[in-house]
């Protein structure tokens, strides 16, 4: 993520689910592990979720598990408007 006002860049990945039926269990597992790893390292964790994926129980549970594990590792929930990149770059 790049703050266009002051040029601060915070590296991070967007963790999400692909819209597919094949390998759904694998993708759900990878989502939870990827988010856990990023949160454990103190990195920026962004989770992308399509509302249509939340209808199916597997992806819905994976997203909830990913949020739980991120919070467990100290992640703070916030919106883009509440995100101050300069504060994150210092810590």
Protein backbone atom coordinates (compact mmCIF):
# COMPACT_ATOMS: atom_id res chain seq x y z
CA UNK A 1 0.00 0.00 0.00
CA UNK A 2 1.26 3.47 -0.83
CA UNK A 3 0.19 6.69 0.87
CA UNK A 4 -0.05 9.21 -1.97
CA UNK A 5 0.34 12.17 0.38
CA UNK A 6 3.71 11.33 1.88
CA UNK A 7 5.01 8.43 -0.25
CA UNK A 8 5.14 5.88 2.59
CA UNK A 9 4.94 2.32 1.29
CA UNK A 10 3.89 -0.65 3.42
CA UNK A 11 4.35 -4.04 1.73
CA UNK A 12 1.54 -6.53 2.06
CA UNK A 13 -0.62 -9.04 0.25
CA UNK A 14 -4.32 -9.35 -0.28
CA UNK A 15 -5.53 -12.71 0.98
CA UNK A 16 -8.70 -13.97 -0.63
CA UNK A 17 -10.55 -16.88 -2.15
CA UNK A 18 -10.77 -17.67 -5.84
CA UNK A 19 -14.23 -18.32 -7.17
CA UNK A 20 -14.01 -22.02 -7.95
CA UNK A 21 -15.48 -25.30 -6.84
CA UNK A 22 -12.33 -27.33 -7.53
CA UNK A 23 -9.85 -27.31 -4.73
CA UNK A 24 -12.11 -25.30 -2.46
CA UNK A 25 -10.84 -27.06 0.66
CA UNK A 26 -7.24 -26.35 -0.34
CA UNK A 27 -7.96 -22.66 -1.00
CA UNK A 28 -9.72 -22.25 2.33
CA UNK A 29 -6.80 -23.86 4.13
CA UNK A 30 -4.31 -21.66 2.26
CA UNK A 31 -6.28 -18.52 3.17
CA UNK A 32 -6.19 -19.27 6.89
CA UNK A 33 -2.49 -20.19 6.87
CA UNK A 34 -1.51 -17.17 4.78
CA UNK A 35 -3.34 -14.76 7.04
CA UNK A 36 -1.90 -16.44 10.14
CA UNK A 37 1.64 -16.13 8.82
CA UNK A 38 1.28 -12.45 7.88
CA UNK A 39 -0.36 -11.55 11.21
CA UNK A 40 2.21 -13.50 13.22
CA UNK A 41 4.99 -11.53 11.52
CA UNK A 42 3.22 -8.24 12.26
CA UNK A 43 2.56 -7.48 8.60
CA UNK A 44 -0.34 -5.78 6.95
CA UNK A 45 -3.21 -8.27 6.59
CA UNK A 46 -5.92 -7.57 4.00
CA UNK A 47 -8.68 -10.10 3.40
CA UNK A 48 -10.73 -9.86 0.21
CA UNK A 49 -14.13 -11.55 0.34
CA UNK A 50 -16.82 -11.76 -2.30
CA UNK A 51 -20.31 -11.88 -0.78
CA UNK A 52 -21.21 -14.80 -3.05
CA UNK A 53 -18.47 -16.91 -1.46
CA UNK A 54 -19.96 -16.44 2.00
CA UNK A 55 -23.06 -18.41 1.01
CA UNK A 56 -21.05 -21.64 0.98
CA UNK A 57 -20.16 -22.97 4.45
CA UNK A 58 -16.51 -23.85 3.68
CA UNK A 59 -15.36 -20.43 2.48
CA UNK A 60 -17.48 -18.68 5.11
CA UNK A 61 -15.81 -20.65 7.90
CA UNK A 62 -12.37 -20.08 6.37
CA UNK A 63 -12.89 -16.30 6.37
CA UNK A 64 -14.09 -16.37 9.99
CA UNK A 65 -11.11 -18.54 10.97
CA UNK A 66 -8.73 -16.18 9.16
CA UNK A 67 -10.16 -13.20 11.03
CA UNK A 68 -9.93 -15.05 14.36
CA UNK A 69 -6.30 -16.06 13.83
CA UNK A 70 -5.34 -12.53 12.73
CA UNK A 71 -6.92 -11.06 15.87
CA UNK A 72 -5.21 -13.74 17.96
CA UNK A 73 -1.84 -12.58 16.62
CA UNK A 74 -2.55 -8.94 17.47
CA UNK A 75 -4.00 -7.57 14.24
CA UNK A 76 -6.19 -4.49 14.67
CA UNK A 77 -9.34 -4.26 12.53
CA UNK A 78 -9.69 -1.02 10.58
CA UNK A 79 -10.99 0.47 7.38
CA UNK A 80 -8.93 2.16 4.67
CA UNK A 81 -10.12 5.53 5.98
CA UNK A 82 -8.80 4.68 9.45
CA UNK A 83 -5.45 3.39 8.18
CA UNK A 84 -2.52 5.72 8.78
CA UNK A 85 0.44 4.36 6.80
CA UNK A 86 2.91 6.75 8.38
CA UNK A 87 2.05 5.30 11.81
CA UNK A 88 2.53 1.75 10.52
CA UNK A 89 5.86 2.55 8.89
CA UNK A 90 7.32 3.80 12.18
CA UNK A 91 6.31 0.82 14.30
